Amino acid sequence: ATSSTWITNLGVVGGDDKAYQYLADGTKTGATIDLSGSIDAWAGDGAFNPNTGMIWYVDVVNSGSSCIFEVNPATMVATGNTICPNSGASERGLAYDAVTDTYYIGTWNDFTIKHFDSAGNILDSAFVSLGISGLAFFPGSGHLFVQVSDPVDISVSVLDVNDNYNVVGNFTVSDGAFADHGGAGLEADCDGNLWLVNQLSQTIFKVESGEGAGACSIASDIPWLSEDPTTGTVPPGGSVPVTVTFDSAGLFPGLRQGQLHIDTDTPTDIPNIGVNFTVRFLDVLDDNPPGTDPFENFIYAAAGANIMHGCSFFEFCPHDLVTRADMAGYIWRSIHGAFAAPPAYTGIFSDVFFGDFNSDYIQGIYDDGITAGCQAPGDPLAYCPTQSIPRGQMAVFIEKGVRGPDFIPPPCENIFGDVSCPPTPSDPYGDWIELLYNDGITVGCSTSPLLFCPLQSIPNEQMAAFIVKAFGFPVLP
């Protein structure tokens, strides 16, 4: 908010690892919050969550991935709550999207923005070629402001999260004021101003963002939901019924989620009300009674996340087999985000041609180190795009997608009765299959005896379950 701000005093540069409260005119209030018990190395950029009134800080680590931790400015204590996205880098900047209850994190260590939810699941990411030291987000426009750690001509870049994080503007703050790695924190207030920390001069800059008010707003229209009435007066001890109407017009099948927020003029806040809306496929069974179709919720979760779109506008073809070309799209979108643009195909495979189905996604998972093709050593590089995916190969695609191409799975322990352990040249996936089981992504194809069926091809409905479990997309229970 505009009334006050909290500034961290880093122990790594001679401070005391406390946050100090200042009024907007620079007056120190005397209030402090001890952050020392919540950090690995130091507290990085923070973000205010207007849904809860809490502040979240990056718990910077010297290597690996950084968690974020929660601080209550009202009680002036760290709550002990943390969120730990597996970002793979020591992070610096943090921003919060109050409309979707999600976070953006980034760093000068890998020049990448990661978007994650309150459970720590990475929703999408983008390499933005910017050394990131602070972040601030305006949900109304979808503009993510990036404080650059080593500015030459710019202090802040503006990215559009709805357009693959493309740069829509740059500007310099007080020409010459920010030297190399001077930037150390960025936040937006409820009136649309930016507040930038210069750690070298120990100066805070207030800058008009050009966005207008709304950085703290949690109100945003849900296009598929309407309420009646939208305003009203509740008598003492009484109630006002509200009718909500769902509209599927123009929507593709899949799960959609939102929250109803009710503003009041009383001191008591009303908790947000979760709303789930599923637009159905014509060929997916209703799981009623439970067990009729155990894949139903996973199908709608994968479709709602825009990872698996089905085989036509209103059909999912749940029993059709997944091909290697299909898999390329599913895995790449799960890693990089549903709306990120894959790299252009360069003709690397002898059996994949320019303009072929998912050729760009095939290029993408090749570039990511997820696949090397299907050919035997010494043969021309081929991908076999029309071949169906056996469950054993799928385990490798999934785990490499989640953990990265260089990850080496632990040795298997002979859990499954039909999987070679240790792996053999003819059955080489035992380590990956058991990792998939230990990660809770599969229970096998039979529980008594415990079998995996590594040579069976995967239908779309099973693929939806694997994708949703592995990458943590929202799913109804």
Protein backbone atom coordinates (compact mmCIF):
# COMPACT_ATOMS: atom_id res chain seq x y z
CA ALA A 1 0.00 0.00 0.00
CA THR A 2 0.99 3.67 -0.27
CA SER A 3 0.89 4.30 3.50
CA SER A 4 4.14 2.51 4.33
CA THR A 5 6.85 0.28 2.95
CA TRP A 6 9.24 -2.30 4.38
CA ILE A 7 12.97 -2.23 3.53
CA THR A 8 15.33 -5.11 4.35
CA ASN A 9 18.73 -4.52 5.96
CA LEU A 10 20.94 -7.34 4.68
CA GLY A 11 23.34 -9.05 7.06
CA VAL A 12 25.64 -10.08 4.20
CA VAL A 13 26.61 -6.42 3.71
CA GLY A 14 26.85 -5.48 7.39
CA GLY A 15 23.15 -5.17 8.29
CA ASP A 16 21.08 -7.06 10.82
CA ASP A 17 18.70 -9.12 8.61
CA LYS A 18 15.67 -7.13 9.75
CA ALA A 19 12.99 -5.37 7.74
CA TYR A 20 12.33 -1.73 8.72
CA GLN A 21 9.06 0.12 8.14
CA TYR A 22 9.09 3.57 6.52
CA LEU A 23 6.28 5.96 5.71
CA ALA A 24 5.91 7.17 2.15
CA ASP A 25 7.74 10.41 3.01
CA GLY A 26 10.80 8.48 4.24
CA THR A 27 10.06 8.65 7.97
CA LYS A 28 11.18 5.56 9.88
CA THR A 29 8.33 4.29 12.09
CA GLY A 30 10.49 2.22 14.43
CA ALA A 31 8.70 -1.04 13.53
CA THR A 32 10.93 -3.97 12.56
CA ILE A 33 10.56 -7.61 11.53
CA ASP A 34 13.34 -10.11 12.25
CA LEU A 35 14.00 -12.13 9.07
CA SER A 36 17.13 -13.93 10.26
CA GLY A 37 15.39 -17.22 11.06
CA SER A 38 13.79 -17.47 7.61
CA ILE A 39 16.76 -17.03 5.28
CA ASP A 40 19.57 -19.12 3.87
CA ALA A 41 21.84 -16.28 2.73
CA TRP A 42 19.75 -13.09 2.60
CA ALA A 43 16.22 -11.82 1.97
CA GLY A 44 15.75 -10.70 -1.61
CA ASP A 45 12.92 -8.86 -3.34
CA GLY A 46 9.49 -8.90 -1.71
CA ALA A 47 5.87 -8.86 -2.89
CA PHE A 48 2.67 -7.85 -1.11
CA ASN A 49 -0.32 -10.22 -1.22
CA PRO A 50 -3.51 -8.12 -0.88
CA ASN A 51 -5.61 -11.27 -0.58
CA THR A 52 -4.06 -12.06 2.79
CA GLY A 53 -2.31 -8.84 3.80
CA MET A 54 1.00 -10.72 3.96
CA ILE A 55 4.41 -9.93 2.48
CA TRP A 56 6.46 -12.62 0.77
CA TYR A 57 10.25 -12.40 0.40
CA VAL A 58 12.69 -14.42 -1.67
CA ASP A 59 14.84 -16.58 0.62
CA VAL A 60 17.98 -16.23 -1.48
CA VAL A 61 20.29 -19.25 -1.51
CA ASN A 62 23.82 -19.37 -2.87
CA SER A 63 22.96 -22.13 -5.35
CA GLY A 64 20.03 -24.26 -6.45
CA SER A 65 16.45 -23.01 -6.04
CA SER A 66 15.15 -20.29 -3.72
CA CYS A 67 12.00 -20.60 -1.63
CA ILE A 68 9.82 -17.63 -0.71
CA PHE A 69 8.72 -17.04 2.88
CA GLU A 70 5.76 -15.22 4.43
CA VAL A 71 5.86 -12.29 6.83
CA ASN A 72 2.90 -10.76 8.68
CA PRO A 73 3.38 -6.97 8.75
CA ALA A 74 0.55 -6.58 11.27
CA THR A 75 2.13 -8.80 13.93
CA MET A 76 5.66 -8.10 12.65
CA VAL A 77 6.73 -11.76 12.61
CA ALA A 78 7.63 -14.35 9.98
CA THR A 79 4.78 -16.87 9.89
CA GLY A 80 6.90 -19.90 8.98
CA ASN A 81 4.94 -20.46 5.75
CA THR A 82 7.03 -21.08 2.65
CA ILE A 83 6.52 -21.87 -1.05
CA CYS A 84 9.35 -23.66 -2.82
CA PRO A 85 9.16 -23.75 -6.63
CA ASN A 86 11.81 -25.96 -8.22
CA SER A 87 13.20 -23.09 -10.27
CA GLY A 88 16.74 -24.45 -10.54
CA ALA A 89 18.45 -21.12 -9.77
CA SER A 90 19.26 -18.77 -6.92
CA GLU A 91 16.46 -16.20 -7.31
CA ARG A 92 16.29 -12.44 -6.72
CA GLY A 93 13.05 -10.77 -7.91
CA LEU A 94 9.47 -11.58 -6.84
CA ALA A 95 6.02 -10.33 -7.90
CA TYR A 96 2.47 -11.42 -7.06
CA ASP A 97 -0.63 -11.64 -9.27
CA ALA A 98 -3.60 -11.01 -6.98
CA VAL A 99 -6.15 -12.09 -9.60
CA THR A 100 -4.83 -15.61 -10.20
CA ASP A 101 -3.08 -16.06 -6.81
CA THR A 102 0.21 -16.85 -8.55
CA TYR A 103 3.77 -15.56 -8.37
CA TYR A 104 6.57 -14.53 -10.73
CA ILE A 105 10.20 -15.06 -9.75
CA GLY A 106 13.45 -14.36 -11.58
CA THR A 107 17.16 -13.75 -11.22
CA TRP A 108 20.30 -12.45 -12.89
CA ASN A 109 21.72 -15.98 -12.61
CA ASP A 110 19.70 -17.48 -15.48
CA PHE A 111 17.83 -14.46 -16.99
CA THR A 112 14.57 -16.43 -16.77
CA ILE A 113 11.10 -15.59 -15.44
CA LYS A 114 9.24 -18.46 -13.76
CA HIS A 115 5.50 -18.31 -13.05
CA PHE A 116 4.28 -20.56 -10.21
CA ASP A 117 1.19 -21.15 -8.10
CA SER A 118 0.70 -21.14 -4.32
CA ALA A 119 1.64 -24.83 -4.18
CA GLY A 120 5.00 -24.16 -5.86
CA ASN A 121 4.08 -25.70 -9.24
CA ILE A 122 5.85 -24.00 -12.17
CA LEU A 123 3.09 -22.96 -14.58
CA ASP A 124 5.28 -21.48 -17.30
CA SER A 125 8.67 -19.86 -17.78
CA ALA A 126 10.54 -17.74 -20.31
CA PHE A 127 14.14 -16.78 -20.98
CA VAL A 128 14.04 -12.98 -21.18
CA SER A 129 17.74 -12.05 -21.53
CA LEU A 130 17.52 -9.68 -18.55
CA GLY A 131 19.54 -9.71 -15.35
CA ILE A 132 16.65 -9.62 -12.88
CA SER A 133 16.96 -7.95 -9.46
CA GLY A 134 13.34 -6.97 -8.80
CA LEU A 135 9.83 -7.59 -10.16
CA ALA A 136 6.43 -5.88 -9.94
CA PHE A 137 3.17 -6.93 -11.62
CA PHE A 138 0.00 -5.14 -12.75
CA PRO A 139 -2.78 -7.76 -13.20
CA GLY A 140 -5.09 -5.45 -15.17
CA SER A 141 -2.66 -5.09 -18.08
CA GLY A 142 -0.60 -8.24 -17.60
CA HIS A 143 2.56 -6.10 -17.52
CA LEU A 144 5.49 -7.42 -15.52
CA PHE A 145 8.05 -4.73 -14.63
CA VAL A 146 11.63 -6.02 -14.38
CA GLN A 147 14.34 -4.14 -12.52
CA VAL A 148 17.56 -4.82 -14.40
CA SER A 149 20.63 -5.61 -12.28
CA ASP A 150 23.29 -4.38 -14.70
CA PRO A 151 21.71 -1.48 -16.62
CA VAL A 152 23.57 0.20 -19.42
CA ASP A 153 20.78 2.17 -21.10
CA ILE A 154 17.78 1.02 -19.03
CA SER A 155 16.77 0.57 -15.42
CA VAL A 156 13.42 -1.19 -15.94
CA SER A 157 11.97 -3.34 -18.72
CA VAL A 158 8.25 -3.99 -19.15
CA LEU A 159 7.14 -7.46 -20.27
CA ASP A 160 3.70 -8.65 -21.41
CA VAL A 161 3.00 -11.98 -19.68
CA ASN A 162 0.09 -12.58 -22.06
CA ASP A 163 2.37 -12.31 -25.11
CA ASN A 164 5.15 -14.76 -24.28
CA TYR A 165 6.86 -12.22 -21.99
CA ASN A 166 7.80 -10.03 -24.94
CA VAL A 167 9.29 -6.62 -24.07
CA VAL A 168 6.78 -3.79 -24.58
CA GLY A 169 8.90 -0.97 -23.14
CA ASN A 170 12.04 0.16 -21.31
CA PHE A 171 12.93 3.22 -19.28
CA THR A 172 15.75 4.70 -17.22
CA VAL A 173 15.28 5.93 -13.67
CA SER A 174 17.23 9.09 -12.77
CA ASP A 175 19.93 8.81 -15.42
CA GLY A 176 23.14 7.46 -13.90
CA ALA A 177 21.60 6.67 -10.51
CA PHE A 178 21.76 2.88 -10.91
CA ALA A 179 25.24 1.43 -11.38
CA ASP A 180 26.02 -2.25 -11.97
CA HIS A 181 23.94 -4.38 -9.55
CA GLY A 182 22.60 -1.27 -7.85
CA GLY A 183 19.02 -2.44 -8.24
CA ALA A 184 17.89 -4.53 -5.28
CA GLY A 185 14.11 -4.55 -5.15
CA LEU A 186 11.02 -3.38 -7.04
CA GLU A 187 7.39 -3.06 -5.93
CA ALA A 188 4.19 -1.46 -7.20
CA ASP A 189 1.74 0.35 -4.93
CA CYS A 190 -2.03 0.49 -5.15
CA ASP A 191 -1.95 3.84 -6.96
CA GLY A 192 0.18 2.53 -9.80
CA ASN A 193 3.56 3.84 -8.68
CA LEU A 194 6.80 1.87 -8.72
CA TRP A 195 9.24 1.86 -5.80
CA LEU A 196 12.84 0.94 -6.65
CA VAL A 197 15.65 0.18 -4.22
CA ASN A 198 19.20 1.30 -5.03
CA GLN A 199 21.37 -0.68 -2.65
CA LEU A 200 24.59 1.17 -3.55
CA SER A 201 23.30 4.66 -2.70
CA GLN A 202 20.72 3.35 -0.20
CA THR A 203 18.07 5.39 -1.97
CA ILE A 204 14.44 4.58 -2.71
CA PHE A 205 13.00 5.97 -5.96
CA LYS A 206 9.27 6.48 -6.50
CA VAL A 207 8.36 6.40 -10.19
CA GLU A 208 5.08 6.68 -12.08
CA SER A 209 4.53 3.41 -13.92
CA GLY A 210 2.00 4.72 -16.43
CA GLU A 211 -0.29 1.81 -15.54
CA GLY A 212 -2.72 3.67 -13.30
CA ALA A 213 -4.18 2.21 -10.12
CA GLY A 214 -4.78 -1.49 -9.79
CA ALA A 215 -1.61 -3.27 -8.69
CA CYS A 216 -3.30 -4.21 -5.41
CA SER A 217 -6.70 -4.95 -6.91
CA ILE A 218 -7.98 -8.47 -6.54
CA ALA A 219 -11.08 -7.80 -8.58
CA SER A 220 -11.16 -8.99 -12.16
CA ASP A 221 -14.09 -10.04 -14.29
CA ILE A 222 -14.49 -13.77 -14.82
CA PRO A 223 -15.75 -13.92 -18.42
CA TRP A 224 -17.67 -17.17 -18.02
CA LEU A 225 -19.44 -16.20 -14.78
CA SER A 226 -22.06 -13.59 -13.92
CA GLU A 227 -23.64 -12.70 -10.59
CA ASP A 228 -27.06 -11.31 -9.69
CA PRO A 229 -27.19 -9.01 -7.81
CA THR A 230 -23.69 -7.53 -8.04
CA THR A 231 -24.28 -5.07 -5.18
CA GLY A 232 -26.59 -4.87 -2.23
CA THR A 233 -27.12 -4.12 1.43
CA VAL A 234 -27.22 -6.89 4.02
CA PRO A 235 -29.49 -6.13 6.99
CA PRO A 236 -28.19 -6.89 10.51
CA GLY A 237 -28.41 -10.63 11.05
CA GLY A 238 -29.77 -11.11 7.55
CA SER A 239 -28.51 -12.33 4.20
CA VAL A 240 -28.75 -11.58 0.50
CA PRO A 241 -28.94 -14.54 -1.91
CA VAL A 242 -26.69 -14.26 -4.96
CA THR A 243 -27.32 -16.28 -8.10
CA VAL A 244 -24.33 -17.17 -10.26
CA THR A 245 -24.68 -18.15 -13.90
CA PHE A 246 -22.11 -20.03 -15.95
CA ASP A 247 -21.73 -19.45 -19.69
CA SER A 248 -19.80 -21.90 -21.89
CA ALA A 249 -20.33 -19.98 -25.14
CA GLY A 250 -17.13 -19.91 -27.18
CA LEU A 251 -15.15 -21.92 -24.62
CA PHE A 252 -13.13 -25.02 -25.40
CA PRO A 253 -13.66 -28.02 -23.12
CA GLY A 254 -11.64 -28.14 -19.91
CA LEU A 255 -11.55 -27.14 -16.26
CA ARG A 256 -11.63 -23.45 -15.38
CA GLN A 257 -11.21 -22.08 -11.89
CA GLY A 258 -11.79 -18.70 -10.32
CA GLN A 259 -12.59 -16.98 -7.05
CA LEU A 260 -15.53 -14.80 -6.09
CA HIS A 261 -14.42 -11.84 -4.00
CA ILE A 262 -17.03 -9.94 -1.99
CA ASP A 263 -16.11 -6.42 -0.89
CA THR A 264 -17.73 -5.09 2.27
CA ASP A 265 -17.61 -1.83 4.21
CA THR A 266 -17.27 -3.73 7.50
CA PRO A 267 -14.08 -4.54 9.41
CA THR A 268 -14.64 -8.25 8.73
CA ASP A 269 -13.38 -9.66 5.47
CA ILE A 270 -15.33 -12.39 3.68
CA PRO A 271 -13.14 -15.27 2.48
CA ASN A 272 -12.97 -15.70 -1.28
CA ILE A 273 -15.29 -18.38 -2.67
CA GLY A 274 -13.72 -20.87 -5.06
CA VAL A 275 -15.53 -21.52 -8.33
CA ASN A 276 -14.95 -24.52 -10.61
CA PHE A 277 -16.42 -24.69 -14.11
CA THR A 278 -15.92 -27.65 -16.45
CA VAL A 279 -16.87 -27.51 -20.12
CA ARG A 280 -17.32 -31.13 -21.12
CA PHE A 281 -16.11 -33.23 -24.03
CA LEU A 282 -18.82 -35.20 -25.82
CA ASP A 283 -16.89 -38.48 -25.62
CA VAL A 284 -15.67 -38.46 -22.00
CA LEU A 285 -17.71 -40.46 -19.52
CA ASP A 286 -19.06 -38.91 -16.35
CA ASP A 287 -17.31 -40.49 -13.37
CA ASN A 288 -20.58 -41.23 -11.61
CA PRO A 289 -20.64 -43.41 -9.65
CA PRO A 290 -16.93 -42.95 -8.79
CA GLY A 291 -14.79 -45.40 -10.72
CA THR A 292 -16.88 -45.21 -13.88
CA ASP A 293 -14.16 -43.12 -15.50
CA PRO A 294 -11.17 -42.54 -13.18
CA PHE A 295 -9.47 -40.40 -15.83
CA GLU A 296 -12.28 -37.84 -16.17
CA ASN A 297 -10.87 -35.14 -13.88
CA PHE A 298 -7.35 -35.56 -15.26
CA ILE A 299 -8.65 -35.11 -18.81
CA TYR A 300 -10.39 -31.86 -17.93
CA ALA A 301 -7.37 -30.66 -15.94
CA ALA A 302 -5.01 -31.25 -18.88
CA ALA A 303 -7.45 -29.60 -21.28
CA GLY A 304 -8.11 -26.64 -18.96
CA ALA A 305 -4.36 -26.06 -18.63
CA ASN A 306 -4.19 -25.96 -22.47
CA ILE A 307 -1.72 -28.84 -22.53
CA MET A 308 -3.93 -31.46 -24.22
CA HIS A 309 -6.59 -30.01 -26.50
CA GLY A 310 -8.37 -33.16 -27.64
CA CYS A 311 -8.77 -34.54 -31.14
CA SER A 312 -11.52 -32.13 -32.27
CA PHE A 313 -13.42 -29.15 -30.92
CA PHE A 314 -15.58 -31.15 -28.50
CA GLU A 315 -13.96 -34.62 -28.50
CA PHE A 316 -10.95 -35.83 -26.55
CA CYS A 317 -10.66 -39.32 -28.08
CA PRO A 318 -9.64 -40.74 -24.69
CA HIS A 319 -8.80 -44.19 -26.05
CA ASP A 320 -6.70 -43.05 -29.03
CA LEU A 321 -3.01 -43.83 -28.64
CA VAL A 322 -0.52 -41.02 -28.03
CA THR A 323 2.12 -40.68 -30.75
CA ARG A 324 5.65 -39.39 -30.32
CA ALA A 325 4.59 -36.22 -32.16
CA ASP A 326 1.70 -35.75 -29.72
CA MET A 327 4.04 -36.29 -26.79
CA ALA A 328 6.40 -33.55 -27.98
CA GLY A 329 3.62 -30.96 -27.70
CA TYR A 330 2.41 -32.18 -24.31
CA ILE A 331 5.86 -32.22 -22.73
CA TRP A 332 7.10 -28.93 -24.20
CA ARG A 333 3.96 -27.00 -23.21
CA SER A 334 4.09 -28.51 -19.72
CA ILE A 335 7.67 -27.31 -19.28
CA HIS A 336 7.51 -23.88 -20.92
CA GLY A 337 3.87 -22.87 -20.62
CA ALA A 338 0.77 -23.47 -22.67
CA PHE A 339 1.06 -20.25 -24.67
CA ALA A 340 4.82 -20.05 -25.10
CA ALA A 341 5.98 -20.24 -28.71
CA PRO A 342 8.17 -23.27 -29.49
CA PRO A 343 11.35 -22.85 -31.55
CA ALA A 344 11.03 -23.09 -35.31
CA TYR A 345 11.78 -26.51 -36.75
CA THR A 346 15.20 -26.67 -38.41
CA GLY A 347 14.97 -29.98 -40.29
CA ILE A 348 17.08 -32.00 -37.84
CA PHE A 349 15.19 -35.30 -38.25
CA SER A 350 15.10 -37.27 -41.49
CA ASP A 351 11.44 -38.26 -40.99
CA VAL A 352 10.04 -34.91 -39.81
CA PHE A 353 9.49 -32.19 -42.40
CA PHE A 354 8.77 -28.47 -42.20
CA GLY A 355 5.08 -27.93 -41.49
CA ASP A 356 4.52 -31.45 -40.15
CA PHE A 357 2.25 -31.85 -37.14
CA ASN A 358 4.06 -30.61 -34.00
CA SER A 359 7.38 -30.27 -35.85
CA ASP A 360 8.23 -27.12 -33.86
CA TYR A 361 7.49 -28.91 -30.57
CA ILE A 362 9.66 -31.82 -31.71
CA GLN A 363 12.45 -29.30 -32.26
CA GLY A 364 11.72 -27.90 -28.81
CA ILE A 365 12.14 -31.14 -26.86
CA TYR A 366 15.25 -31.94 -28.91
CA ASP A 367 16.75 -28.56 -28.00
CA ASP A 368 15.78 -29.17 -24.36
CA GLY A 369 17.66 -32.48 -24.33
CA ILE A 370 14.47 -34.47 -23.68
CA THR A 371 14.85 -36.64 -26.79
CA ALA A 372 17.64 -37.67 -29.13
CA GLY A 373 15.29 -39.37 -31.59
CA CYS A 374 14.45 -43.02 -32.17
CA GLN A 375 17.27 -44.18 -34.43
CA ALA A 376 19.90 -46.80 -33.68
CA PRO A 377 23.47 -45.50 -33.32
CA GLY A 378 24.97 -44.68 -36.71
CA ASP A 379 21.62 -44.44 -38.50
CA PRO A 380 20.27 -41.16 -39.89
CA LEU A 381 18.76 -39.00 -37.16
CA ALA A 382 15.06 -39.88 -37.01
CA TYR A 383 12.22 -39.15 -34.60
CA CYS A 384 9.48 -41.68 -35.56
CA PRO A 385 6.70 -39.10 -35.07
CA THR A 386 3.80 -41.43 -35.86
CA GLN A 387 4.89 -44.25 -33.56
CA SER A 388 2.83 -44.65 -30.40
CA ILE A 389 4.55 -44.13 -27.07
CA PRO A 390 5.10 -47.19 -24.88
CA ARG A 391 4.77 -46.64 -21.15
CA GLY A 392 8.47 -47.30 -20.54
CA GLN A 393 9.59 -44.53 -22.92
CA MET A 394 6.95 -42.24 -21.49
CA ALA A 395 8.55 -42.52 -18.04
CA VAL A 396 11.77 -41.03 -19.44
CA PHE A 397 9.97 -38.18 -21.25
CA ILE A 398 8.00 -37.26 -18.14
CA GLU A 399 10.86 -37.38 -15.64
CA LYS A 400 13.30 -35.52 -17.89
CA GLY A 401 10.63 -32.91 -18.49
CA VAL A 402 10.14 -32.45 -14.75
CA ARG A 403 13.75 -32.79 -13.58
CA GLY A 404 15.79 -31.64 -16.56
CA PRO A 405 17.75 -33.46 -19.26
CA ASP A 406 20.87 -34.06 -17.17
CA PHE A 407 19.11 -35.77 -14.28
CA ILE A 408 20.25 -39.34 -13.57
CA PRO A 409 17.63 -41.51 -11.85
CA PRO A 410 18.57 -43.61 -8.82
CA PRO A 411 19.06 -47.34 -9.43
CA CYS A 412 15.87 -49.35 -9.46
CA GLU A 413 15.02 -51.87 -6.74
CA ASN A 414 12.96 -54.40 -8.70
CA ILE A 415 9.57 -53.05 -7.65
CA PHE A 416 7.67 -54.18 -10.76
CA GLY A 417 7.40 -57.82 -11.78
CA ASP A 418 7.52 -57.04 -15.52
CA VAL A 419 10.34 -54.45 -15.60
CA SER A 420 14.00 -55.47 -15.94
CA CYS A 421 16.06 -54.38 -12.95
CA PRO A 422 18.84 -53.66 -13.47
CA PRO A 423 17.91 -52.36 -16.93
CA THR A 424 18.91 -54.30 -20.03
CA PRO A 425 19.49 -53.14 -23.63
CA SER A 426 16.10 -54.55 -24.60
CA ASP A 427 14.33 -53.13 -21.50
CA PRO A 428 16.36 -50.02 -20.56
CA TYR A 429 13.83 -47.97 -18.61
CA GLY A 430 13.69 -49.64 -15.18
CA ASP A 431 15.36 -46.80 -13.28
CA TRP A 432 13.03 -44.20 -14.79
CA ILE A 433 9.92 -46.32 -14.28
CA GLU A 434 10.58 -46.84 -10.59
CA LEU A 435 11.31 -43.13 -10.18
CA LEU A 436 7.92 -42.41 -11.74
CA TYR A 437 6.34 -44.79 -9.21
CA ASN A 438 8.22 -43.32 -6.24
CA ASP A 439 7.20 -39.81 -7.33
CA GLY A 440 3.54 -40.85 -7.10
CA ILE A 441 2.91 -40.34 -10.82
CA THR A 442 1.98 -43.98 -11.53
CA VAL A 443 0.61 -46.93 -9.60
CA GLY A 444 1.35 -49.31 -12.45
CA CYS A 445 -1.07 -51.22 -14.65
CA SER A 446 -1.75 -53.89 -12.00
CA THR A 447 -1.48 -53.76 -8.23
CA SER A 448 -1.61 -57.49 -7.49
CA PRO A 449 0.90 -58.43 -8.67
CA LEU A 450 2.53 -55.03 -9.10
CA LEU A 451 3.12 -54.56 -12.84
CA PHE A 452 3.91 -51.56 -15.05
CA CYS A 453 3.28 -52.91 -18.58
CA PRO A 454 6.27 -51.01 -20.05
CA LEU A 455 5.56 -52.08 -23.65
CA GLN A 456 1.90 -51.05 -23.66
CA SER A 457 1.08 -47.95 -25.70
CA ILE A 458 -0.51 -45.03 -23.85
CA PRO A 459 -4.01 -43.77 -24.65
CA ASN A 460 -4.86 -40.09 -24.27
CA GLU A 461 -6.78 -40.59 -21.01
CA GLN A 462 -3.78 -42.19 -19.27
CA MET A 463 -1.47 -39.55 -20.70
CA ALA A 464 -3.64 -36.85 -19.15
CA ALA A 465 -3.22 -38.45 -15.72
CA PHE A 466 0.56 -38.72 -16.09
CA ILE A 467 0.91 -35.09 -17.26
CA VAL A 468 -1.32 -33.60 -14.57
CA LYS A 469 0.29 -35.57 -11.73
CA ALA A 470 3.83 -34.94 -12.91
CA PHE A 471 3.59 -31.21 -13.57
CA GLY A 472 1.05 -30.38 -10.86
CA PHE A 473 -1.74 -28.83 -12.94
CA PRO A 474 -4.94 -27.99 -11.00
CA VAL A 475 -7.32 -30.95 -10.86
CA LEU A 476 -10.60 -31.56 -9.08
CA PRO A 477 -10.50 -34.25 -6.38
